[in-house]
Amino acid sequence: MKIDEDTVLYTIDESSFYNQSISIIGNNTEGLVKSYDKVKVKGLGSGETVEIQVIGSIYNFQLLEVKYDEEEHDFVEIKVLYDLEEVRNQLVVIETYLPEGGPVEKIKWTDEKGDIHEVLLSYDGYGFDGWIIWSK
C-alpha cells in the first residue's frame, strides 16, 4: 500500500494462486462505482488471471514483457503487450501464466502527477501476489 498526501495509490489484495487481485486508486474518484466495464487482455501465457480494479483514473497503462538483465541487475522491458491511454473505473483482466520465481511480465502506469508505478507479475509460492516495484 502506498500513501501519498493521504491518498492510497494502490493496494495488492491476497487471493488464490490462480487469480491475483490488484486495486489501483487513481485521481477523480468522485462518486461510488457499482459496476466496472471489463477489459480483457491476453498476456504471454494462459491458465491464470490477474484482475486489476481501477478506481478513478490512471494513465498510460501498459502490460509489458520483461527479462532479467544480469549486467544491469534489473528487469528490463522487452516489448509492450497491451497499451491503454487512460483506464477509468474499469476492471482489467489479464489472462497469463504466473511463474514461481522471476517474472516475465509487469504492469506499468502513470498517475496524475506523472509518477510512474510498476508491478512485476509473478507468484512466490507462499501466497503473496506479486512484487511491488517503484521506479524513478
N, C-alpha and C. Protein backbone atom coordinates (compact mmCIF):
# COMPACT_ATOMS: atom_id res chain seq x y z
N MET A 1 0.84 -1.17 0.00
CA MET A 1 0.00 0.00 0.00
C MET A 1 0.89 1.23 0.00
N LYS A 2 0.58 2.18 -0.80
CA LYS A 2 1.35 3.43 -0.90
C LYS A 2 0.44 4.57 -0.48
N ILE A 3 0.89 5.36 0.47
CA ILE A 3 0.13 6.52 0.91
C ILE A 3 0.92 7.76 0.49
N ASP A 4 0.27 8.66 -0.21
CA ASP A 4 0.92 9.88 -0.66
C ASP A 4 -0.06 11.03 -0.44
N GLU A 5 0.26 11.92 0.48
CA GLU A 5 -0.63 13.04 0.82
C GLU A 5 -2.04 12.54 1.13
N ASP A 6 -2.09 11.50 1.99
CA ASP A 6 -3.34 10.90 2.45
C ASP A 6 -4.15 10.24 1.34
N THR A 7 -3.54 9.88 0.23
CA THR A 7 -4.23 9.19 -0.85
C THR A 7 -3.62 7.82 -1.03
N VAL A 8 -4.46 6.79 -1.04
CA VAL A 8 -3.97 5.44 -1.31
C VAL A 8 -3.83 5.31 -2.82
N LEU A 9 -2.63 5.02 -3.29
CA LEU A 9 -2.41 4.91 -4.72
C LEU A 9 -2.76 3.52 -5.24
N TYR A 10 -2.36 2.46 -4.54
CA TYR A 10 -2.80 1.13 -4.91
C TYR A 10 -2.58 0.17 -3.77
N THR A 11 -3.31 -0.93 -3.83
CA THR A 11 -3.15 -2.00 -2.85
C THR A 11 -3.08 -3.31 -3.60
N ILE A 12 -2.44 -4.29 -2.99
CA ILE A 12 -2.46 -5.65 -3.53
C ILE A 12 -3.19 -6.51 -2.51
N ASP A 13 -4.25 -7.16 -2.96
CA ASP A 13 -5.08 -7.98 -2.08
C ASP A 13 -4.65 -9.43 -2.17
N GLU A 14 -4.79 -10.16 -1.06
CA GLU A 14 -4.49 -11.58 -1.08
C GLU A 14 -5.53 -12.31 -1.91
N SER A 15 -5.12 -13.34 -2.62
CA SER A 15 -6.03 -14.17 -3.39
C SER A 15 -5.39 -15.53 -3.60
N SER A 16 -6.05 -16.38 -4.37
CA SER A 16 -5.52 -17.72 -4.61
C SER A 16 -4.43 -17.70 -5.66
N PHE A 17 -3.79 -18.84 -5.86
CA PHE A 17 -2.71 -18.99 -6.84
C PHE A 17 -3.18 -18.65 -8.24
N TYR A 18 -4.41 -19.00 -8.56
CA TYR A 18 -4.89 -18.87 -9.94
C TYR A 18 -5.42 -17.49 -10.29
N ASN A 19 -5.56 -16.63 -9.32
CA ASN A 19 -6.14 -15.33 -9.62
C ASN A 19 -5.57 -14.28 -8.68
N GLN A 20 -4.80 -13.36 -9.21
CA GLN A 20 -4.32 -12.23 -8.42
C GLN A 20 -5.32 -11.11 -8.54
N SER A 21 -5.45 -10.33 -7.48
CA SER A 21 -6.35 -9.19 -7.49
C SER A 21 -5.58 -7.96 -7.03
N ILE A 22 -5.57 -6.93 -7.86
CA ILE A 22 -4.87 -5.70 -7.55
C ILE A 22 -5.87 -4.55 -7.68
N SER A 23 -5.91 -3.67 -6.70
CA SER A 23 -6.74 -2.47 -6.79
C SER A 23 -5.84 -1.26 -6.91
N ILE A 24 -6.10 -0.42 -7.89
CA ILE A 24 -5.34 0.81 -8.08
C ILE A 24 -6.31 1.98 -7.93
N ILE A 25 -5.99 2.90 -7.06
CA ILE A 25 -6.83 4.07 -6.87
C ILE A 25 -6.14 5.27 -7.51
N GLY A 26 -6.79 5.83 -8.51
CA GLY A 26 -6.22 6.97 -9.23
C GLY A 26 -6.88 8.26 -8.81
N ASN A 27 -6.85 9.25 -9.70
CA ASN A 27 -7.48 10.52 -9.39
C ASN A 27 -8.92 10.54 -9.89
N ASN A 28 -9.65 11.60 -9.59
CA ASN A 28 -11.05 11.75 -9.99
C ASN A 28 -11.90 10.57 -9.52
N THR A 29 -11.90 10.33 -8.23
CA THR A 29 -12.62 9.19 -7.68
C THR A 29 -14.01 9.55 -7.15
N GLU A 30 -14.55 10.69 -7.57
CA GLU A 30 -15.83 11.12 -7.05
C GLU A 30 -16.93 10.10 -7.40
N GLY A 31 -17.86 9.93 -6.46
CA GLY A 31 -18.99 9.03 -6.67
C GLY A 31 -18.61 7.57 -6.47
N LEU A 32 -19.58 6.78 -6.07
CA LEU A 32 -19.37 5.35 -5.84
C LEU A 32 -19.66 4.59 -7.13
N VAL A 33 -18.73 3.78 -7.55
CA VAL A 33 -18.91 2.98 -8.76
C VAL A 33 -19.46 1.63 -8.34
N LYS A 34 -20.60 1.25 -8.92
CA LYS A 34 -21.22 -0.02 -8.55
C LYS A 34 -20.84 -1.16 -9.48
N SER A 35 -20.47 -0.84 -10.69
CA SER A 35 -20.02 -1.88 -11.61
C SER A 35 -18.94 -1.29 -12.51
N TYR A 36 -18.08 -2.15 -12.98
CA TYR A 36 -16.94 -1.72 -13.78
C TYR A 36 -17.01 -2.36 -15.16
N ASP A 37 -16.70 -1.58 -16.19
CA ASP A 37 -16.53 -2.17 -17.51
C ASP A 37 -15.32 -3.08 -17.45
N LYS A 38 -15.42 -4.23 -18.12
CA LYS A 38 -14.32 -5.20 -18.08
C LYS A 38 -13.52 -5.12 -19.37
N VAL A 39 -12.20 -5.07 -19.22
CA VAL A 39 -11.28 -5.08 -20.35
C VAL A 39 -10.48 -6.38 -20.24
N LYS A 40 -10.56 -7.23 -21.27
CA LYS A 40 -9.82 -8.49 -21.26
C LYS A 40 -8.53 -8.33 -22.06
N VAL A 41 -7.43 -8.80 -21.47
CA VAL A 41 -6.10 -8.65 -22.06
C VAL A 41 -5.44 -10.03 -22.09
N LYS A 42 -4.81 -10.37 -23.19
CA LYS A 42 -4.08 -11.63 -23.32
C LYS A 42 -2.61 -11.37 -23.04
N GLY A 43 -2.08 -12.04 -22.01
CA GLY A 43 -0.66 -11.93 -21.67
C GLY A 43 0.14 -12.99 -22.41
N LEU A 44 1.31 -13.32 -21.87
CA LEU A 44 2.21 -14.27 -22.52
C LEU A 44 1.77 -15.72 -22.36
N GLY A 45 1.01 -16.02 -21.31
CA GLY A 45 0.61 -17.40 -21.07
C GLY A 45 -0.88 -17.53 -20.92
N SER A 46 -1.30 -18.65 -20.30
CA SER A 46 -2.72 -18.86 -20.06
C SER A 46 -2.88 -19.74 -18.82
N GLY A 47 -4.11 -19.81 -18.33
CA GLY A 47 -4.41 -20.68 -17.20
C GLY A 47 -4.58 -19.93 -15.89
N GLU A 48 -4.11 -18.71 -15.79
CA GLU A 48 -4.24 -17.91 -14.59
C GLU A 48 -4.61 -16.49 -14.99
N THR A 49 -5.16 -15.73 -14.04
CA THR A 49 -5.54 -14.36 -14.36
C THR A 49 -5.05 -13.41 -13.29
N VAL A 50 -4.87 -12.17 -13.71
CA VAL A 50 -4.62 -11.06 -12.82
C VAL A 50 -5.75 -10.07 -13.05
N GLU A 51 -6.51 -9.76 -12.00
CA GLU A 51 -7.60 -8.80 -12.11
C GLU A 51 -7.16 -7.49 -11.48
N ILE A 52 -7.25 -6.42 -12.24
CA ILE A 52 -6.82 -5.11 -11.78
C ILE A 52 -8.03 -4.20 -11.77
N GLN A 53 -8.51 -3.88 -10.57
CA GLN A 53 -9.65 -3.00 -10.41
C GLN A 53 -9.12 -1.57 -10.29
N VAL A 54 -9.47 -0.74 -11.28
CA VAL A 54 -9.00 0.64 -11.28
C VAL A 54 -10.16 1.54 -10.84
N ILE A 55 -9.95 2.22 -9.72
CA ILE A 55 -10.93 3.15 -9.18
C ILE A 55 -10.45 4.55 -9.49
N GLY A 56 -11.24 5.32 -10.21
CA GLY A 56 -10.78 6.62 -10.67
C GLY A 56 -10.01 6.47 -11.97
N SER A 57 -9.03 7.34 -12.19
CA SER A 57 -8.30 7.34 -13.46
C SER A 57 -6.81 7.14 -13.26
N ILE A 58 -6.24 6.31 -14.12
CA ILE A 58 -4.79 6.20 -14.27
C ILE A 58 -4.49 6.33 -15.76
N TYR A 59 -3.23 6.55 -16.08
CA TYR A 59 -2.89 6.88 -17.46
C TYR A 59 -1.73 6.02 -17.96
N ASN A 60 -1.64 5.91 -19.28
CA ASN A 60 -0.55 5.17 -19.93
C ASN A 60 -0.38 3.78 -19.32
N PHE A 61 -1.48 3.06 -19.16
CA PHE A 61 -1.44 1.71 -18.61
C PHE A 61 -0.85 0.77 -19.65
N GLN A 62 0.13 -0.03 -19.23
CA GLN A 62 0.77 -0.98 -20.15
C GLN A 62 0.98 -2.33 -19.48
N LEU A 63 0.82 -3.38 -20.26
CA LEU A 63 1.29 -4.71 -19.90
C LEU A 63 2.54 -4.94 -20.73
N LEU A 64 3.65 -5.25 -20.07
CA LEU A 64 4.94 -5.37 -20.76
C LEU A 64 5.58 -6.73 -20.51
N GLU A 65 6.27 -7.22 -21.50
CA GLU A 65 7.14 -8.38 -21.32
C GLU A 65 8.46 -7.88 -20.75
N VAL A 66 8.98 -8.57 -19.73
CA VAL A 66 10.25 -8.18 -19.12
C VAL A 66 11.20 -9.37 -19.07
N LYS A 67 12.48 -9.05 -18.92
CA LYS A 67 13.53 -10.06 -18.82
C LYS A 67 14.56 -9.54 -17.84
N TYR A 68 15.10 -10.43 -17.01
CA TYR A 68 16.14 -10.03 -16.06
C TYR A 68 17.46 -9.89 -16.80
N ASP A 69 18.10 -8.75 -16.64
CA ASP A 69 19.38 -8.46 -17.28
C ASP A 69 20.48 -8.61 -16.23
N GLU A 70 21.35 -9.59 -16.41
CA GLU A 70 22.43 -9.87 -15.46
C GLU A 70 23.40 -8.69 -15.33
N GLU A 71 23.65 -7.98 -16.43
CA GLU A 71 24.58 -6.86 -16.37
C GLU A 71 23.97 -5.66 -15.65
N GLU A 72 22.69 -5.41 -15.88
CA GLU A 72 22.01 -4.28 -15.24
C GLU A 72 21.54 -4.62 -13.83
N HIS A 73 21.44 -5.92 -13.52
CA HIS A 73 20.90 -6.39 -12.24
C HIS A 73 19.50 -5.83 -12.00
N ASP A 74 18.70 -5.90 -13.06
CA ASP A 74 17.34 -5.37 -13.00
C ASP A 74 16.54 -6.00 -14.13
N PHE A 75 15.21 -5.87 -14.02
CA PHE A 75 14.33 -6.32 -15.08
C PHE A 75 14.23 -5.22 -16.14
N VAL A 76 14.42 -5.60 -17.40
CA VAL A 76 14.34 -4.65 -18.49
C VAL A 76 13.12 -4.97 -19.35
N GLU A 77 12.55 -3.94 -19.93
CA GLU A 77 11.37 -4.10 -20.76
C GLU A 77 11.76 -4.62 -22.13
N ILE A 78 11.07 -5.69 -22.58
CA ILE A 78 11.34 -6.27 -23.90
C ILE A 78 10.38 -5.71 -24.93
N LYS A 79 9.07 -5.78 -24.63
CA LYS A 79 8.09 -5.22 -25.55
C LYS A 79 6.77 -4.95 -24.84
N VAL A 80 5.98 -4.05 -25.44
CA VAL A 80 4.66 -3.72 -24.93
C VAL A 80 3.68 -4.74 -25.48
N LEU A 81 2.94 -5.41 -24.58
CA LEU A 81 1.96 -6.40 -24.99
C LEU A 81 0.56 -5.80 -25.12
N TYR A 82 0.29 -4.77 -24.33
CA TYR A 82 -1.02 -4.12 -24.34
C TYR A 82 -0.85 -2.71 -23.82
N ASP A 83 -1.62 -1.76 -24.36
CA ASP A 83 -1.44 -0.35 -24.02
C ASP A 83 -2.80 0.35 -24.02
N LEU A 84 -3.08 1.11 -22.97
CA LEU A 84 -4.29 1.94 -22.89
C LEU A 84 -3.89 3.34 -22.46
N GLU A 85 -4.41 4.36 -23.13
CA GLU A 85 -4.08 5.74 -22.79
C GLU A 85 -4.62 6.12 -21.41
N GLU A 86 -5.87 5.73 -21.11
CA GLU A 86 -6.47 6.01 -19.80
C GLU A 86 -7.34 4.83 -19.41
N VAL A 87 -7.28 4.48 -18.13
CA VAL A 87 -8.18 3.48 -17.56
C VAL A 87 -8.94 4.18 -16.46
N ARG A 88 -10.27 4.16 -16.56
CA ARG A 88 -11.10 4.85 -15.57
C ARG A 88 -12.25 3.94 -15.16
N ASN A 89 -12.30 3.62 -13.86
CA ASN A 89 -13.37 2.79 -13.30
C ASN A 89 -13.60 1.54 -14.15
N GLN A 90 -12.51 0.80 -14.35
CA GLN A 90 -12.58 -0.42 -15.15
C GLN A 90 -11.91 -1.57 -14.43
N LEU A 91 -12.30 -2.78 -14.82
CA LEU A 91 -11.65 -4.00 -14.33
C LEU A 91 -10.85 -4.56 -15.50
N VAL A 92 -9.54 -4.56 -15.37
CA VAL A 92 -8.66 -5.10 -16.40
C VAL A 92 -8.32 -6.53 -16.00
N VAL A 93 -8.69 -7.49 -16.85
CA VAL A 93 -8.45 -8.91 -16.57
C VAL A 93 -7.38 -9.41 -17.54
N ILE A 94 -6.23 -9.78 -16.98
CA ILE A 94 -5.11 -10.26 -17.79
C ILE A 94 -5.05 -11.78 -17.68
N GLU A 95 -5.21 -12.48 -18.81
CA GLU A 95 -5.01 -13.92 -18.83
C GLU A 95 -3.54 -14.17 -19.11
N THR A 96 -2.89 -14.94 -18.22
CA THR A 96 -1.46 -15.15 -18.34
C THR A 96 -1.06 -16.41 -17.58
N TYR A 97 0.21 -16.58 -17.38
CA TYR A 97 0.76 -17.60 -16.51
C TYR A 97 1.68 -16.90 -15.52
N LEU A 98 1.49 -17.17 -14.23
CA LEU A 98 2.30 -16.52 -13.19
C LEU A 98 3.40 -17.47 -12.73
N PRO A 99 4.63 -17.23 -13.16
CA PRO A 99 5.70 -18.15 -12.80
C PRO A 99 6.12 -18.02 -11.34
N GLU A 100 6.52 -19.14 -10.75
CA GLU A 100 7.16 -19.09 -9.43
C GLU A 100 8.60 -18.74 -9.71
N GLY A 101 9.04 -17.64 -9.17
CA GLY A 101 10.39 -17.16 -9.46
C GLY A 101 10.32 -15.88 -10.25
N GLY A 102 11.28 -15.71 -11.14
CA GLY A 102 11.41 -14.46 -11.87
C GLY A 102 10.23 -14.19 -12.78
N PRO A 103 9.69 -12.98 -12.72
CA PRO A 103 8.56 -12.61 -13.56
C PRO A 103 8.96 -12.42 -15.02
N VAL A 104 7.98 -12.54 -15.91
CA VAL A 104 8.19 -12.28 -17.33
C VAL A 104 7.27 -11.17 -17.83
N GLU A 105 6.40 -10.66 -16.93
CA GLU A 105 5.51 -9.57 -17.30
C GLU A 105 5.42 -8.57 -16.16
N LYS A 106 5.04 -7.35 -16.50
CA LYS A 106 4.75 -6.35 -15.48
C LYS A 106 3.68 -5.42 -16.02
N ILE A 107 2.99 -4.76 -15.08
CA ILE A 107 2.09 -3.68 -15.46
C ILE A 107 2.76 -2.38 -15.05
N LYS A 108 2.44 -1.35 -15.79
CA LYS A 108 3.06 -0.04 -15.57
C LYS A 108 2.01 1.01 -15.87
N TRP A 109 1.95 2.06 -15.05
CA TRP A 109 1.01 3.14 -15.29
C TRP A 109 1.56 4.44 -14.73
N THR A 110 0.92 5.53 -15.11
CA THR A 110 1.29 6.87 -14.66
C THR A 110 0.12 7.47 -13.90
N ASP A 111 0.42 8.13 -12.78
CA ASP A 111 -0.64 8.82 -12.05
C ASP A 111 -0.77 10.25 -12.57
N GLU A 112 -1.71 11.01 -11.99
CA GLU A 112 -1.97 12.36 -12.50
C GLU A 112 -0.78 13.31 -12.32
N LYS A 113 0.14 12.99 -11.40
CA LYS A 113 1.32 13.82 -11.20
C LYS A 113 2.45 13.50 -12.17
N GLY A 114 2.26 12.40 -12.93
CA GLY A 114 3.30 11.98 -13.86
C GLY A 114 4.25 10.95 -13.28
N ASP A 115 4.01 10.52 -12.02
CA ASP A 115 4.84 9.47 -11.42
C ASP A 115 4.50 8.12 -12.04
N ILE A 116 5.52 7.34 -12.32
CA ILE A 116 5.35 6.03 -12.94
C ILE A 116 5.39 4.95 -11.85
N HIS A 117 4.45 4.01 -11.93
CA HIS A 117 4.36 2.90 -10.98
C HIS A 117 4.39 1.59 -11.75
N GLU A 118 5.00 0.57 -11.14
CA GLU A 118 5.14 -0.73 -11.80
C GLU A 118 4.86 -1.84 -10.81
N VAL A 119 4.27 -2.93 -11.30
CA VAL A 119 4.11 -4.15 -10.52
C VAL A 119 4.57 -5.30 -11.40
N LEU A 120 5.59 -6.03 -10.94
CA LEU A 120 6.04 -7.24 -11.64
C LEU A 120 5.08 -8.36 -11.28
N LEU A 121 4.65 -9.15 -12.27
CA LEU A 121 3.67 -10.19 -12.05
C LEU A 121 4.35 -11.54 -11.92
N SER A 122 4.20 -12.15 -10.76
CA SER A 122 4.74 -13.50 -10.53
C SER A 122 4.04 -14.08 -9.31
N TYR A 123 4.40 -15.32 -8.99
CA TYR A 123 3.87 -15.99 -7.81
C TYR A 123 5.06 -16.52 -7.03
N ASP A 124 5.10 -16.26 -5.73
CA ASP A 124 6.28 -16.65 -4.95
C ASP A 124 6.13 -18.00 -4.25
N GLY A 125 4.98 -18.66 -4.36
CA GLY A 125 4.80 -19.96 -3.73
C GLY A 125 4.31 -19.88 -2.30
N TYR A 126 4.19 -18.68 -1.74
CA TYR A 126 3.78 -18.53 -0.35
C TYR A 126 2.46 -17.78 -0.21
N GLY A 127 1.89 -17.32 -1.30
CA GLY A 127 0.61 -16.64 -1.23
C GLY A 127 0.65 -15.15 -1.43
N PHE A 128 1.86 -14.54 -1.48
CA PHE A 128 1.92 -13.12 -1.79
C PHE A 128 1.77 -12.96 -3.29
N ASP A 129 0.94 -12.05 -3.72
CA ASP A 129 0.55 -11.95 -5.11
C ASP A 129 1.39 -10.95 -5.90
N GLY A 130 2.64 -11.23 -6.09
CA GLY A 130 3.46 -10.37 -6.95
C GLY A 130 4.40 -9.48 -6.17
N TRP A 131 5.17 -8.72 -6.89
CA TRP A 131 6.16 -7.82 -6.32
C TRP A 131 5.75 -6.40 -6.62
N ILE A 132 6.02 -5.50 -5.70
CA ILE A 132 5.77 -4.07 -5.95
C ILE A 132 7.12 -3.41 -6.19
N ILE A 133 7.25 -2.74 -7.31
CA ILE A 133 8.50 -2.08 -7.68
C ILE A 133 8.20 -0.62 -7.97
N TRP A 134 8.93 0.28 -7.36
CA TRP A 134 8.80 1.71 -7.66
C TRP A 134 9.91 2.11 -8.59
N SER A 135 9.61 2.87 -9.60
CA SER A 135 10.66 3.36 -10.47
C SER A 135 10.80 4.86 -10.29
N LYS A 136 11.92 5.39 -10.71
CA LYS A 136 12.19 6.81 -10.55
C LYS A 136 11.97 7.55 -11.84
